[in-house]
């Protein structure tokens, strides 16, 4: 009805079923499924977990996002990070993480480009990952990505329009409205992808922002263009640091015996990695796990992030 004030959304708080080392309170909030359709009355349940302030009077609430997107916020809050963040923030704030379903990582609007786990495993096994893994990899990667795009459209085309960081930002404002504290301002601490989310919500709702920490910052322009390259700026320097540390501590790094200094050791390791493009090593009878090639090594190096 025109001119009628809509009821403020309410969070339903209840005891979490999962046992955790840190006592958490679970909650749920009904939010719109489609924020772009003002006439739609369809809602979905947004789940969240809260670590209550350890000191009174309470100073406010901080929303947290551990990154991913899709990392378990509940595990993040229930583990050592929750306890550490409570100390860092002085103990006067409730800490809340939400399972932000508009990111496509929850169960309400799941997003998967594959019909089942077998189809996903088959794609991951056959699709080349790296453009420089062989002389023909560029064409093979492009073809594999075209197949992936068609699979996404077929299996998740309908829900894909309801997902994205802009939707998640609106989820966060819904939570702030339901909390009814901090004068309607969002206090926020986001890590990694959470920094891009924080930058987005600040751009969309600048008058709703309170205290904001963007931690482990990604370049939002790179991130949203699909070219997350800025975070790789110091990769080579960091990688060289492993060789420097190895040569300096040969009793703890057996690889140090292969060279007389860090530069020589790094060159030999790179030579070995590149040789796997043409001469993969076979370690057993299983073709899915017992071939060590260039792609396998590159996957391991990605863990350095």
Protein backbone atom coordinates (compact mmCIF):
# COMPACT_ATOMS: atom_id res chain seq x y z
CA UNK A 1 0.00 0.00 0.00
CA UNK A 2 1.42 3.38 -0.97
CA UNK A 3 2.66 5.35 2.01
CA UNK A 4 2.48 2.37 4.35
CA UNK A 5 5.71 1.52 6.17
CA UNK A 6 6.77 -2.07 5.55
CA UNK A 7 7.46 -4.22 8.62
CA UNK A 8 11.12 -4.47 9.55
CA UNK A 9 12.58 -7.90 8.75
CA UNK A 10 13.37 -10.00 11.82
CA UNK A 11 16.10 -12.53 12.43
CA UNK A 12 15.02 -15.73 14.11
CA UNK A 13 17.81 -16.68 16.53
CA UNK A 14 18.09 -20.22 17.91
CA UNK A 15 20.62 -22.69 19.32
CA UNK A 16 22.90 -24.22 16.70
CA UNK A 17 22.59 -27.97 16.31
CA UNK A 18 26.29 -28.41 15.53
CA UNK A 19 28.62 -28.63 18.50
CA UNK A 20 31.51 -26.20 18.23
CA UNK A 21 34.42 -25.29 20.48
CA UNK A 22 33.14 -21.72 20.59
CA UNK A 23 29.43 -21.32 21.46
CA UNK A 24 27.58 -19.90 18.46
CA UNK A 25 24.00 -18.79 18.01
CA UNK A 26 22.37 -19.64 14.68
CA UNK A 27 19.84 -17.49 12.89
CA UNK A 28 17.72 -17.19 9.79
CA UNK A 29 16.28 -14.26 7.91
CA UNK A 30 13.81 -14.26 5.02
CA UNK A 31 15.08 -12.13 2.12
CA UNK A 32 13.86 -11.54 -1.44
CA UNK A 33 14.99 -14.07 -4.02
CA UNK A 34 15.03 -11.49 -6.82
CA UNK A 35 15.97 -7.96 -5.79
CA UNK A 36 15.44 -6.71 -9.35
CA UNK A 37 11.73 -7.58 -9.35
CA UNK A 38 9.92 -5.17 -7.03
CA UNK A 39 6.59 -6.94 -7.56
CA UNK A 40 7.89 -10.39 -6.60
CA UNK A 41 6.89 -11.77 -3.20
CA UNK A 42 9.17 -14.83 -3.40
CA UNK A 43 11.49 -15.15 -0.41
CA UNK A 44 14.34 -17.41 0.61
CA UNK A 45 15.92 -18.24 3.95
CA UNK A 46 19.31 -16.70 4.66
CA UNK A 47 21.19 -18.61 7.37
CA UNK A 48 23.78 -17.08 9.66
CA UNK A 49 25.78 -17.69 12.81
CA UNK A 50 26.66 -15.28 15.59
CA UNK A 51 29.34 -15.09 18.25
CA UNK A 52 27.95 -12.87 21.00
CA UNK A 53 29.98 -9.99 22.38
CA UNK A 54 32.03 -11.02 25.40
CA UNK A 55 31.73 -7.62 27.07
CA UNK A 56 28.78 -5.46 28.03
CA UNK A 57 27.42 -3.04 27.18
CA UNK A 58 27.59 -4.21 23.57
CA UNK A 59 29.10 -1.69 21.15
CA UNK A 60 27.47 -3.03 18.01
CA UNK A 61 27.68 -5.78 15.40
CA UNK A 62 30.30 -6.66 12.79
CA UNK A 63 29.47 -8.72 9.72
CA UNK A 64 32.31 -10.97 8.57
CA UNK A 65 33.08 -12.61 5.25
CA UNK A 66 36.01 -15.08 5.20
CA UNK A 67 36.38 -15.09 1.43
CA UNK A 68 36.03 -17.69 -1.26
CA UNK A 69 33.43 -16.91 -2.29
CA UNK A 70 31.98 -19.89 -0.53
CA UNK A 71 34.34 -20.58 2.37
CA UNK A 72 32.39 -21.86 5.36
CA UNK A 73 31.62 -18.81 7.45
CA UNK A 74 30.39 -20.95 10.31
CA UNK A 75 33.63 -22.93 10.50
CA UNK A 76 35.56 -19.67 10.24
CA UNK A 77 33.73 -18.16 13.20
CA UNK A 78 33.72 -21.34 15.29
CA UNK A 79 37.47 -21.85 14.89
CA UNK A 80 40.50 -19.92 16.08
CA UNK A 81 39.68 -16.96 13.83
CA UNK A 82 36.47 -16.26 15.73
CA UNK A 83 38.25 -16.16 19.06
CA UNK A 84 41.07 -14.04 17.64
CA UNK A 85 38.72 -11.54 16.00
CA UNK A 86 36.76 -11.20 19.21
CA UNK A 87 39.98 -10.22 21.00
CA UNK A 88 41.11 -7.88 18.20
CA UNK A 89 37.77 -6.07 18.14
CA UNK A 90 37.81 -5.62 21.91
CA UNK A 91 35.04 -8.09 22.75
CA UNK A 92 32.31 -5.47 22.56
CA UNK A 93 30.83 -6.53 19.21
CA UNK A 94 28.61 -9.38 18.12
CA UNK A 95 30.32 -11.13 15.21
CA UNK A 96 28.06 -12.48 12.47
CA UNK A 97 28.75 -14.59 9.41
CA UNK A 98 26.05 -15.46 6.92
CA UNK A 99 25.75 -18.21 4.38
CA UNK A 100 25.18 -15.80 1.54
CA UNK A 101 23.02 -17.87 -0.77
CA UNK A 102 22.99 -15.24 -3.49
CA UNK A 103 26.63 -16.18 -4.09
CA UNK A 104 25.51 -19.59 -5.38
CA UNK A 105 27.42 -21.50 -2.71
CA UNK A 106 24.55 -22.40 -0.40
CA UNK A 107 21.71 -24.87 -0.66
CA UNK A 108 18.83 -22.45 -1.35
CA UNK A 109 20.03 -21.31 -4.78
CA UNK A 110 22.77 -23.81 -5.58
CA UNK A 111 24.78 -23.09 -8.71
CA UNK A 112 26.57 -25.95 -10.43
CA UNK A 113 27.58 -26.28 -14.04
CA UNK A 114 27.38 -30.06 -13.76
CA UNK A 115 24.43 -32.40 -13.30
CA UNK A 116 26.31 -34.62 -10.85
CA UNK A 117 29.70 -35.21 -9.23
CA UNK A 118 30.68 -37.73 -11.89
CA UNK A 119 30.21 -35.18 -14.67
CA UNK A 120 32.28 -32.64 -12.72
CA UNK A 121 35.08 -35.13 -12.10
CA UNK A 122 35.09 -36.15 -15.77
CA UNK A 123 35.42 -32.53 -16.90
CA UNK A 124 38.18 -31.77 -14.39
CA UNK A 125 40.10 -34.86 -15.48
CA UNK A 126 39.91 -34.15 -19.22
CA UNK A 127 40.03 -30.35 -19.41
CA UNK A 128 43.50 -28.76 -19.63
CA UNK A 129 44.04 -26.02 -17.07
CA UNK A 130 47.05 -24.06 -18.26
CA UNK A 131 47.60 -22.28 -21.56
CA UNK A 132 51.32 -23.08 -21.53
CA UNK A 133 51.06 -26.73 -20.53
CA UNK A 134 51.77 -27.82 -24.14
CA UNK A 135 52.13 -26.48 -27.68
CA UNK A 136 48.42 -27.18 -28.33
CA UNK A 137 47.02 -26.14 -24.96
CA UNK A 138 45.58 -22.77 -26.04
CA UNK A 139 43.11 -24.30 -28.44
CA UNK A 140 42.29 -27.14 -26.06
CA UNK A 141 41.63 -24.74 -23.17
CA UNK A 142 39.35 -22.58 -25.31
CA UNK A 143 37.36 -25.62 -26.41
CA UNK A 144 37.07 -26.90 -22.84
CA UNK A 145 35.86 -23.50 -21.62
CA UNK A 146 33.25 -23.40 -24.41
CA UNK A 147 31.99 -26.80 -23.23
CA UNK A 148 31.90 -25.49 -19.66
CA UNK A 149 29.87 -22.44 -20.69
CA UNK A 150 27.31 -24.62 -22.47
CA UNK A 151 27.13 -26.92 -19.45
CA UNK A 152 26.57 -23.96 -17.12
CA UNK A 153 23.80 -22.63 -19.33
CA UNK A 154 22.10 -26.03 -19.50
CA UNK A 155 22.36 -26.91 -15.80
CA UNK A 156 22.18 -23.53 -14.06
CA UNK A 157 20.93 -20.99 -16.59
CA UNK A 158 17.78 -20.18 -14.62
CA UNK A 159 19.41 -19.58 -11.24
CA UNK A 160 22.48 -17.81 -12.58
CA UNK A 161 20.54 -14.57 -13.06
CA UNK A 162 19.82 -14.47 -9.31
CA UNK A 163 23.43 -14.72 -8.21
CA UNK A 164 26.32 -12.31 -7.87
CA UNK A 165 28.14 -9.96 -5.56
CA UNK A 166 25.53 -7.23 -6.05
CA UNK A 167 22.87 -9.56 -4.71
CA UNK A 168 25.08 -10.54 -1.77
CA UNK A 169 25.58 -6.84 -0.96
CA UNK A 170 21.80 -6.46 -0.74
CA UNK A 171 21.64 -9.52 1.52
CA UNK A 172 24.03 -7.75 3.88
CA UNK A 173 21.88 -4.61 4.01
CA UNK A 174 18.87 -6.81 4.77
CA UNK A 175 20.77 -8.19 7.76
CA UNK A 176 21.70 -4.69 8.94
CA UNK A 177 18.07 -3.60 8.71
CA UNK A 178 16.97 -6.62 10.72
CA UNK A 179 19.57 -6.06 13.44
CA UNK A 180 18.31 -2.54 14.13
CA UNK A 181 21.50 -1.39 15.84
CA UNK A 182 24.55 0.73 14.95
CA UNK A 183 22.10 3.37 13.68
CA UNK A 184 21.47 1.29 10.57
CA UNK A 185 25.15 1.28 9.55
CA UNK A 186 27.09 -1.76 8.32
CA UNK A 187 30.22 -2.59 10.27
CA UNK A 188 32.15 -5.06 8.14
CA UNK A 189 35.38 -7.07 7.98
CA UNK A 190 36.05 -8.96 4.75
CA UNK A 191 38.96 -11.19 3.75
CA UNK A 192 40.17 -11.95 0.20
CA UNK A 193 36.97 -12.13 -1.91
CA UNK A 194 35.35 -10.48 1.10
CA UNK A 195 37.38 -7.35 0.30
CA UNK A 196 35.80 -7.19 -3.17
CA UNK A 197 32.40 -7.71 -1.57
CA UNK A 198 33.09 -4.91 0.91
CA UNK A 199 34.14 -2.53 -1.85
CA UNK A 200 30.97 -3.41 -3.75
CA UNK A 201 28.55 -2.86 -0.90
CA UNK A 202 30.30 0.44 -0.06
CA UNK A 203 29.88 1.59 -3.66
CA UNK A 204 26.22 0.55 -3.75
CA UNK A 205 25.25 1.83 -0.29
CA UNK A 206 27.78 4.53 0.68
CA UNK A 207 25.46 6.15 3.24
CA UNK A 208 24.94 2.85 5.05
CA UNK A 209 28.58 2.14 5.85
CA UNK A 210 30.01 2.23 9.36
CA UNK A 211 33.46 0.85 10.20
CA UNK A 212 34.96 -1.21 7.39
CA UNK A 213 38.09 -3.39 7.19
CA UNK A 214 39.14 -4.86 3.82
CA UNK A 215 41.75 -7.53 4.57
CA UNK A 216 43.88 -9.54 2.15
CA UNK A 217 42.69 -7.17 -0.55
CA UNK A 218 42.04 -8.30 -4.11
CA UNK A 219 41.88 -5.81 -6.96
CA UNK A 220 38.12 -5.50 -7.59
CA UNK A 221 38.62 -4.33 -11.18
CA UNK A 222 40.68 -7.44 -11.93
CA UNK A 223 38.33 -9.69 -10.01
CA UNK A 224 35.14 -8.62 -11.74
CA UNK A 225 36.75 -8.67 -15.18
CA UNK A 226 37.87 -12.26 -14.65
CA UNK A 227 41.56 -11.35 -14.79
CA UNK A 228 42.78 -11.60 -11.22
CA UNK A 229 46.39 -10.76 -12.07
CA UNK A 230 47.37 -8.00 -9.64
CA UNK A 231 47.78 -10.46 -6.78
CA UNK A 232 50.45 -12.24 -8.85
CA UNK A 233 52.74 -9.19 -8.98
CA UNK A 234 55.19 -10.50 -6.38
CA UNK A 235 54.75 -14.22 -7.10
CA UNK A 236 58.20 -14.74 -8.64
CA UNK A 237 59.90 -12.87 -5.80
CA UNK A 238 58.02 -14.91 -3.23
CA UNK A 239 58.81 -18.17 -5.04
CA UNK A 240 62.51 -17.26 -5.12
CA UNK A 241 62.33 -16.77 -1.36
CA UNK A 242 61.72 -20.50 -0.94
CA UNK A 243 65.02 -21.27 -2.68
CA UNK A 244 66.87 -18.66 -0.65
CA UNK A 245 65.52 -20.16 2.56
CA UNK A 246 66.29 -23.69 1.37
CA UNK A 247 69.96 -22.97 0.59
CA UNK A 248 70.34 -21.09 3.89
CA UNK A 249 69.02 -24.11 5.83
CA UNK A 250 70.31 -27.22 4.04
CA UNK A 251 69.83 -29.41 7.11
CA UNK A 252 66.08 -28.78 6.83
CA UNK A 253 65.78 -28.74 3.02
CA UNK A 254 67.20 -31.74 1.19
CA UNK A 255 66.77 -29.99 -2.17
CA UNK A 256 69.61 -27.63 -1.24
CA UNK A 257 72.18 -30.31 -2.14
CA UNK A 258 71.25 -29.94 -5.82
CA UNK A 259 72.89 -26.51 -6.13
CA UNK A 260 75.44 -24.16 -4.65
CA UNK A 261 73.19 -21.10 -4.43
CA UNK A 262 69.54 -20.05 -4.64
CA UNK A 263 69.68 -18.92 -8.28
CA UNK A 264 71.12 -22.23 -9.46
CA UNK A 265 68.58 -24.18 -7.42
CA UNK A 266 65.69 -22.18 -8.82
CA UNK A 267 66.91 -22.73 -12.38
CA UNK A 268 67.14 -26.49 -11.84
CA UNK A 269 63.63 -26.67 -10.39
CA UNK A 270 62.23 -24.70 -13.33
CA UNK A 271 64.08 -27.00 -15.76
CA UNK A 272 62.49 -30.01 -14.05
CA UNK A 273 59.00 -28.46 -14.20
CA UNK A 274 59.30 -27.63 -17.89
CA UNK A 275 60.69 -31.08 -18.71
CA UNK A 276 57.43 -32.59 -17.42
CA UNK A 277 55.60 -31.06 -20.38
CA UNK A 278 57.27 -33.59 -22.66
CA UNK A 279 58.39 -36.30 -20.22
CA UNK A 280 55.81 -36.86 -17.47
CA UNK A 281 56.86 -39.15 -14.62
CA UNK A 282 54.89 -42.35 -13.97
CA UNK A 283 54.67 -43.45 -10.35
CA UNK A 284 52.12 -46.28 -10.46
CA UNK A 285 49.32 -48.08 -12.35
CA UNK A 286 46.48 -45.55 -11.90
CA UNK A 287 46.15 -43.16 -14.85
CA UNK A 288 44.06 -40.72 -12.79
CA UNK A 289 46.66 -40.21 -10.06
CA UNK A 290 50.00 -41.79 -10.96
CA UNK A 291 51.17 -39.47 -13.73
CA UNK A 292 53.12 -36.41 -12.63
CA UNK A 293 53.11 -33.88 -15.44
CA UNK A 294 53.39 -30.12 -15.82
CA UNK A 295 49.74 -29.56 -14.89
CA UNK A 296 50.04 -31.56 -11.66
CA UNK A 297 53.02 -29.49 -10.53
CA UNK A 298 51.28 -26.23 -11.42
CA UNK A 299 48.28 -27.29 -9.34
CA UNK A 300 50.59 -27.77 -6.38
CA UNK A 301 52.20 -24.37 -6.88
CA UNK A 302 48.76 -22.78 -6.77
CA UNK A 303 48.53 -23.91 -3.15
CA UNK A 304 51.21 -21.31 -2.33
CA UNK A 305 48.41 -18.73 -2.39
